[in-house]
C-alpha atoms as a PDB file:
ATOM      1  CA  MET A   1      35.815  10.690 -15.685  1.00  0.00           C
ATOM      2  CA  PRO A   2      34.252  10.941 -12.243  1.00  0.00           C
ATOM      3  CA  LEU A   3      31.616   8.749 -11.138  1.00  0.00           C
ATOM      4  CA  GLU A   4      28.288  10.107 -11.205  1.00  0.00           C
ATOM      5  CA  VAL A   5      26.230   9.051  -8.405  1.00  0.00           C
ATOM      6  CA  ALA A   6      22.907   9.472 -10.782  1.00  0.00           C
ATOM      7  CA  ASP A   7      24.530   6.262 -13.051  1.00  0.00           C
ATOM      8  CA  ALA A   8      26.131   4.647 -10.135  1.00  0.00           C
ATOM      9  CA  VAL A   9      22.325   3.666  -8.586  1.00  0.00           C
ATOM     10  CA  ARG A  10      21.083   3.636 -12.396  1.00  0.00           C
ATOM     11  CA  VAL A  11      23.532   0.217 -12.202  1.00  0.00           C
ATOM     12  CA  ALA A  12      22.357  -0.827  -8.795  1.00  0.00           C
ATOM     13  CA  LEU A  13      18.707  -0.925  -9.653  1.00  0.00           C
ATOM     14  CA  GLU A  14      19.266  -2.728 -12.600  1.00  0.00           C
ATOM     15  CA  LEU A  15      21.752  -5.288 -10.714  1.00  0.00           C
ATOM     16  CA  LEU A  16      18.930  -5.121  -7.950  1.00  0.00           C
ATOM     17  CA  ASP A  17      16.427  -6.634 -10.815  1.00  0.00           C
ATOM     18  CA  ASP A  18      18.611  -8.931 -12.415  1.00  0.00           C
ATOM     19  CA  GLU A  19      19.824 -10.764  -8.858  1.00  0.00           C
ATOM     20  CA  GLY A  20      18.010  -9.258  -6.291  1.00  0.00           C
ATOM     21  CA  LEU A  21      18.846  -7.189  -3.231  1.00  0.00           C
ATOM     22  CA  ASP A  22      20.632 -10.024  -0.905  1.00  0.00           C
ATOM     23  CA  LYS A  23      23.528 -10.239  -3.667  1.00  0.00           C
ATOM     24  CA  LEU A  24      23.739  -6.521  -4.237  1.00  0.00           C
ATOM     25  CA  THR A  25      26.690  -5.016  -2.205  1.00  0.00           C
ATOM     26  CA  VAL A  26      28.898  -1.741  -2.839  1.00  0.00           C
ATOM     27  CA  ARG A  27      31.738  -3.918  -3.950  1.00  0.00           C
ATOM     28  CA  ARG A  28      29.507  -6.017  -6.585  1.00  0.00           C
ATOM     29  CA  LEU A  29      28.320  -2.379  -7.469  1.00  0.00           C
ATOM     30  CA  ALA A  30      31.905  -1.087  -8.025  1.00  0.00           C
ATOM     31  CA  THR A  31      32.883  -3.894 -10.244  1.00  0.00           C
ATOM     32  CA  GLU A  32      30.104  -3.568 -12.460  1.00  0.00           C
ATOM     33  CA  LEU A  33      30.670  -0.246 -12.539  1.00  0.00           C
ATOM     34  CA  GLY A  34      34.695  -0.919 -13.355  1.00  0.00           C
ATOM     35  CA  VAL A  35      35.722   1.132 -10.335  1.00  0.00           C
ATOM     36  CA  LYS A  36      37.629   0.486  -6.980  1.00  0.00           C
ATOM     37  CA  ALA A  37      35.321  -0.361  -3.946  1.00  0.00           C
ATOM     38  CA  PRO A  38      36.653   3.141  -2.855  1.00  0.00           C
ATOM     39  CA  ALA A  39      35.381   4.689  -5.406  1.00  0.00           C
ATOM     40  CA  LEU A  40      32.538   4.331  -4.469  1.00  0.00           C
ATOM     41  CA  TYR A  41      32.402   4.361  -0.572  1.00  0.00           C
ATOM     42  CA  TRP A  42      33.256   8.048  -1.007  1.00  0.00           C
ATOM     43  CA  HIS A  43      29.741   8.560  -2.476  1.00  0.00           C
ATOM     44  CA  PHE A  44      27.875   5.673  -0.514  1.00  0.00           C
ATOM     45  CA  SER A  45      29.175   5.076   2.938  1.00  0.00           C
ATOM     46  CA  SER A  46      27.468   1.860   3.560  1.00  0.00           C
ATOM     47  CA  LYS A  47      25.181  -0.492   1.477  1.00  0.00           C
ATOM     48  CA  ARG A  48      22.422   1.273   3.515  1.00  0.00           C
ATOM     49  CA  ALA A  49      23.636   4.773   2.321  1.00  0.00           C
ATOM     50  CA  LEU A  50      23.464   3.076  -0.841  1.00  0.00           C
ATOM     51  CA  LEU A  51      19.845   1.898  -0.654  1.00  0.00           C
ATOM     52  CA  ASP A  52      18.591   5.132   0.420  1.00  0.00           C
ATOM     53  CA  HIS A  53      19.936   6.248  -3.138  1.00  0.00           C
ATOM     54  CA  MET A  54      17.803   3.819  -5.073  1.00  0.00           C
ATOM     55  CA  THR A  55      14.633   4.464  -2.618  1.00  0.00           C
ATOM     56  CA  ASP A  56      14.993   8.082  -3.541  1.00  0.00           C
ATOM     57  CA  ALA A  57      15.455   6.789  -7.657  1.00  0.00           C
ATOM     58  CA  ILE A  58      12.643   4.689  -7.199  1.00  0.00           C
ATOM     59  CA  VAL A  59       9.920   6.888  -5.335  1.00  0.00           C
ATOM     60  CA  ALA A  60      11.071  10.285  -7.019  1.00  0.00           C
ATOM     61  CA  PRO A  61       8.711   9.717 -10.161  1.00  0.00           C
ATOM     62  CA  VAL A  62       5.579   9.031  -7.711  1.00  0.00           C
ATOM     63  CA  VAL A  63       6.219  12.011  -6.417  1.00  0.00           C
ATOM     64  CA  ALA A  64       6.200  14.020  -9.524  1.00  0.00           C
ATOM     65  CA  GLY A  65       3.100  12.607 -10.301  1.00  0.00           C
ATOM     66  CA  LEU A  66       1.149  13.482  -7.164  1.00  0.00           C
ATOM     67  CA  PRO A  67      -1.902  15.844  -7.996  1.00  0.00           C
ATOM     68  CA  GLY A  68      -1.600  19.186  -6.465  1.00  0.00           C
ATOM     69  CA  GLY A  69      -4.943  18.901  -4.695  1.00  0.00           C
ATOM     70  CA  GLY A  70      -8.171  17.285  -4.456  1.00  0.00           C
ATOM     71  CA  PRO A  71     -10.152  15.661  -2.280  1.00  0.00           C
ATOM     72  CA  TRP A  72      -8.086  14.146   0.659  1.00  0.00           C
ATOM     73  CA  LEU A  73      -9.397  10.357   0.817  1.00  0.00           C
ATOM     74  CA  LYS A  74      -8.679   9.972  -2.744  1.00  0.00           C
ATOM     75  CA  TRP A  75      -5.721  12.013  -3.076  1.00  0.00           C
ATOM     76  CA  LEU A  76      -4.203   9.515  -0.232  1.00  0.00           C
ATOM     77  CA  GLU A  77      -5.300   6.429  -1.906  1.00  0.00           C
ATOM     78  CA  ASP A  78      -3.681   7.701  -5.391  1.00  0.00           C
ATOM     79  CA  ALA A  79      -0.718   8.243  -3.761  1.00  0.00           C
ATOM     80  CA  GLY A  80      -0.445   5.043  -1.747  1.00  0.00           C
ATOM     81  CA  PHE A  81      -1.346   3.195  -5.335  1.00  0.00           C
ATOM     82  CA  ALA A  82       1.263   4.393  -7.120  1.00  0.00           C
ATOM     83  CA  LEU A  83       3.945   4.295  -4.048  1.00  0.00           C
ATOM     84  CA  HIS A  84       2.704   0.584  -3.988  1.00  0.00           C
ATOM     85  CA  THR A  85       3.455   0.029  -7.705  1.00  0.00           C
ATOM     86  CA  ALA A  86       6.613   1.716  -7.969  1.00  0.00           C
ATOM     87  CA  LEU A  87       7.923  -0.543  -4.843  1.00  0.00           C
ATOM     88  CA  LEU A  88       6.822  -3.426  -6.992  1.00  0.00           C
ATOM     89  CA  ALA A  89       8.080  -2.367 -10.287  1.00  0.00           C
ATOM     90  CA  HIS A  90      11.846  -3.815  -8.928  1.00  0.00           C
ATOM     91  CA  ARG A  91      12.044  -7.073  -7.436  1.00  0.00           C
ATOM     92  CA  ASP A  92      12.909  -6.154  -3.756  1.00  0.00           C
ATOM     93  CA  GLY A  93      12.021  -2.750  -4.213  1.00  0.00           C
ATOM     94  CA  ALA A  94       9.786  -2.437  -0.783  1.00  0.00           C
ATOM     95  CA  ARG A  95      13.162  -4.392   0.972  1.00  0.00           C
ATOM     96  CA  VAL A  96      15.181  -1.518  -0.469  1.00  0.00           C
ATOM     97  CA  ALA A  97      13.120   1.197   1.101  1.00  0.00           C
ATOM     98  CA  LEU A  98      12.637  -0.110   4.652  1.00  0.00           C
ATOM     99  CA  GLY A  99      14.595   1.845   7.000  1.00  0.00           C
ATOM    100  CA  ALA A 100      15.237   4.502   4.597  1.00  0.00           C
ATOM    101  CA  ASP A 101      16.933   7.509   5.714  1.00  0.00           C
ATOM    102  CA  LEU A 102      14.601  10.144   4.611  1.00  0.00           C
ATOM    103  CA  THR A 103      17.518  13.115   3.959  1.00  0.00           C
ATOM    104  CA  VAL A 104      18.921  10.865   1.741  1.00  0.00           C
ATOM    105  CA  ALA A 105      15.744   9.251   0.457  1.00  0.00           C
ATOM    106  CA  ARG A 106      14.389  12.364  -0.190  1.00  0.00           C
ATOM    107  CA  ALA A 107      11.437  11.624  -2.252  1.00  0.00           C
ATOM    108  CA  LEU A 108       9.465   9.551   0.268  1.00  0.00           C
ATOM    109  CA  GLY A 109       9.846  11.994   2.253  1.00  0.00           C
ATOM    110  CA  GLU A 110       8.476  14.736  -0.033  1.00  0.00           C
ATOM    111  CA  LEU A 111       5.662  11.768  -0.389  1.00  0.00           C
ATOM    112  CA  ALA A 112       5.340  12.071   3.321  1.00  0.00           C
ATOM    113  CA  GLU A 113       5.631  15.391   3.840  1.00  0.00           C
ATOM    114  CA  ARG A 114       2.602  15.907   0.997  1.00  0.00           C
ATOM    115  CA  ALA A 115       0.588  13.657   2.829  1.00  0.00           C
ATOM    116  CA  VAL A 116       0.988  15.708   6.085  1.00  0.00           C
ATOM    117  CA  GLY A 117       0.178  18.525   4.583  1.00  0.00           C
ATOM    118  CA  VAL A 118      -3.101  17.090   2.891  1.00  0.00           C
ATOM    119  CA  LEU A 119      -4.538  15.177   5.980  1.00  0.00           C
ATOM    120  CA  HIS A 120      -3.718  19.042   7.826  1.00  0.00           C
ATOM    121  CA  ASP A 121      -5.676  20.738   5.226  1.00  0.00           C
ATOM    122  CA  ALA A 122      -8.463  18.420   5.761  1.00  0.00           C
ATOM    123  CA  GLY A 123      -8.852  19.066   9.317  1.00  0.00           C
ATOM    124  CA  PHE A 124      -6.688  16.658  11.293  1.00  0.00           C
ATOM    125  CA  PRO A 125      -4.415  18.450  13.464  1.00  0.00           C
ATOM    126  CA  LEU A 126      -0.496  19.012  12.489  1.00  0.00           C
ATOM    127  CA  GLY A 127       0.877  16.305  15.119  1.00  0.00           C
ATOM    128  CA  GLU A 128      -1.832  13.535  14.166  1.00  0.00           C
ATOM    129  CA  ALA A 129      -1.189  14.746  10.425  1.00  0.00           C
ATOM    130  CA  THR A 130       1.963  13.376  10.793  1.00  0.00           C
ATOM    131  CA  ARG A 131       1.010  10.261  12.775  1.00  0.00           C
ATOM    132  CA  ALA A 132      -1.473   9.680   9.556  1.00  0.00           C
ATOM    133  CA  ALA A 133       1.294  10.119   7.138  1.00  0.00           C
ATOM    134  CA  GLY A 134       3.659   7.738   8.688  1.00  0.00           C
ATOM    135  CA  VAL A 135       0.415   5.187   8.916  1.00  0.00           C
ATOM    136  CA  LEU A 136      -0.012   5.110   5.308  1.00  0.00           C
ATOM    137  CA  VAL A 137       3.753   4.958   4.136  1.00  0.00           C
ATOM    138  CA  HIS A 138       4.392   2.346   6.675  1.00  0.00           C
ATOM    139  CA  PHE A 139       1.551   0.303   5.401  1.00  0.00           C
ATOM    140  CA  VAL A 140       2.323   0.610   1.606  1.00  0.00           C
ATOM    141  CA  LEU A 141       5.857  -0.539   2.921  1.00  0.00           C
ATOM    142  CA  GLY A 142       5.218  -3.385   4.590  1.00  0.00           C
ATOM    143  CA  ARG A 143       2.528  -4.472   2.131  1.00  0.00           C
ATOM    144  CA  ALA A 144       4.250  -4.175  -0.557  1.00  0.00           C
ATOM    145  CA  VAL A 145       7.684  -6.462   1.085  1.00  0.00           C
ATOM    146  CA  GLU A 146       4.595  -8.833   1.689  1.00  0.00           C
ATOM    147  CA  ASP A 147       3.485  -8.815  -1.685  1.00  0.00           C
ATOM    148  CA  GLN A 148       6.801  -9.308  -3.210  1.00  0.00           C
ATOM    149  CA  THR A 149       7.217 -12.569  -1.026  1.00  0.00           C
ATOM    150  CA  ARG A 150       3.792 -13.999  -1.757  1.00  0.00           C
ATOM    151  CA  PRO A 151       3.738 -16.992  -3.588  1.00  0.00           C
ATOM    152  CA  SER A 152       2.420 -17.008  -7.408  1.00  0.00           C
ATOM    153  CA  PRO A 153      -1.220 -17.496  -7.936  1.00  0.00           C
ATOM    154  CA  SER A 154      -0.360 -20.938  -8.997  1.00  0.00           C
ATOM    155  CA  ASP A 155       1.867 -21.911  -5.934  1.00  0.00           C
ATOM    156  CA  GLU A 156      -0.704 -20.520  -3.358  1.00  0.00           C
ATOM    157  CA  ALA A 157      -3.667 -22.296  -5.841  1.00  0.00           C
ATOM    158  CA  ALA A 158      -1.805 -25.359  -5.036  1.00  0.00           C
ATOM    159  CA  LEU A 159      -0.860 -25.358  -1.558  1.00  0.00           C
ATOM    160  CA  ILE A 160      -4.636 -24.844  -0.369  1.00  0.00           C
ATOM    161  CA  VAL A 161      -6.136 -27.588  -2.066  1.00  0.00           C
ATOM    162  CA  LEU A 162      -4.085 -29.744   0.108  1.00  0.00           C
ATOM    163  CA  ASP A 163      -5.487 -31.787   2.943  1.00  0.00           C
ATOM    164  CA  SER A 164      -1.986 -30.534   4.904  1.00  0.00           C
ATOM    165  CA  PHE A 165      -3.299 -27.247   4.824  1.00  0.00           C
ATOM    166  CA  PRO A 166      -3.948 -26.423   8.476  1.00  0.00           C
ATOM    167  CA  PHE A 167      -6.237 -23.427   7.823  1.00  0.00           C
ATOM    168  CA  PRO A 168      -9.637 -24.684   6.187  1.00  0.00           C
ATOM    169  CA  LEU A 169     -11.634 -21.073   6.719  1.00  0.00           C
ATOM    170  CA  MET A 170      -9.039 -19.330   4.719  1.00  0.00           C
ATOM    171  CA  ALA A 171      -8.372 -21.987   2.280  1.00  0.00           C
ATOM    172  CA  ARG A 172     -12.108 -21.487   1.467  1.00  0.00           C
ATOM    173  CA  GLY A 173     -12.176 -18.138   1.261  1.00  0.00           C
ATOM    174  CA  LEU A 174      -8.957 -17.664  -0.830  1.00  0.00           C
ATOM    175  CA  ARG A 175     -10.715 -20.262  -3.131  1.00  0.00           C
ATOM    176  CA  GLU A 176     -13.582 -17.723  -3.334  1.00  0.00           C
ATOM    177  CA  ARG A 177     -11.329 -14.813  -4.353  1.00  0.00           C
ATOM    178  CA  ALA A 178      -9.352 -16.863  -6.864  1.00  0.00           C
ATOM    179  CA  GLY A 179      -8.368 -14.577  -9.863  1.00  0.00           C
ATOM    180  CA  SER A 180      -8.094 -11.740  -7.514  1.00  0.00           C
ATOM    181  CA  THR A 181      -5.248  -9.759  -8.404  1.00  0.00           C
ATOM    182  CA  VAL A 182      -2.383  -8.215  -6.100  1.00  0.00           C
ATOM    183  CA  GLU A 183      -3.646  -4.874  -7.084  1.00  0.00           C
ATOM    184  CA  ASP A 184      -6.977  -5.855  -6.403  1.00  0.00           C
ATOM    185  CA  ASP A 185      -6.054  -7.054  -2.697  1.00  0.00           C
ATOM    186  CA  PHE A 186      -4.009  -4.038  -1.972  1.00  0.00           C
ATOM    187  CA  ARG A 187      -6.878  -1.682  -2.894  1.00  0.00           C
ATOM    188  CA  TYR A 188      -9.486  -3.399  -0.804  1.00  0.00           C
ATOM    189  CA  ALA A 189      -6.418  -3.315   1.801  1.00  0.00           C
ATOM    190  CA  LEU A 190      -5.805   0.449   1.568  1.00  0.00           C
ATOM    191  CA  GLY A 191      -9.524   0.725   1.425  1.00  0.00           C
ATOM    192  CA  VAL A 192      -9.897  -0.406   4.737  1.00  0.00           C
ATOM    193  CA  LEU A 193      -7.163   2.165   5.965  1.00  0.00           C
ATOM    194  CA  LEU A 194      -8.781   5.172   4.532  1.00  0.00           C
ATOM    195  CA  ALA A 195     -12.326   4.283   5.646  1.00  0.00           C
ATOM    196  CA  GLY A 196     -10.566   4.291   9.217  1.00  0.00           C
ATOM    197  CA  LEU A 197      -9.079   7.938   8.719  1.00  0.00           C
ATOM    198  CA  ASP A 198     -12.010   8.781   7.199  1.00  0.00           C
ATOM    199  CA  ALA A 199     -14.171   7.872  10.326  1.00  0.00           C
ATOM    200  CA  VAL A 200     -11.306   8.972  12.511  1.00  0.00           C
ATOM    201  CA  SER A 201     -12.501  12.815  10.722  1.00  0.00           C
ATOM    202  CA  ARG A 202     -15.880  11.970  11.098  1.00  0.00           C
ATOM    203  CA  ASP A 203     -15.423  11.790  14.561  1.00  0.00           C
ATOM    204  CA  ARG A 204     -13.742  15.169  15.202  1.00  0.00           C
ATOM    205  CA  ASP A 205     -15.903  16.949  13.033  1.00  0.00           C
ATOM    206  CA  GLY A 206     -19.412  15.437  14.592  1.00  0.00           C
END
């Protein structure tokens, strides 16, 4: 039976969740599929190519769920939060998507394309809209990487009470917002970014 790319990507995502990105290789995937490595290299010329297909699979449901319209800031907030959630749903999901080739990871490219359209319809010149959409996507990717490498809440709580922790103001601040979730912190940060875009838009209109 011919090897289906979709089946290989599904198994690759299972391996990612079980073992992490550093242990995922094309050869390891071939072993899991019960095929010789050259059979996979026909479809995935490198690990990066495999990761691009995995990125496409991770992000495709996000694109499928994007609204067709609505207020532009709310659209960008929903898209950013949905992308962040999808990346965090897989172990090392954000690292998988970093540096993706958008001609292969087409869903990520489609999300950026849709964001450009929303921004352009909101009055951003097309060149500026591409820049702003890139800011959104790159922010979400980078933040998701940080969130996936962040200590657990219990480890972080134990760290900031140590006398050896070198940043007392940050320690006090983190204790003040103890109990906030990754989602809470991300939504706050995304709100700051979107407030900046809103200010840019208002300055242009004013």
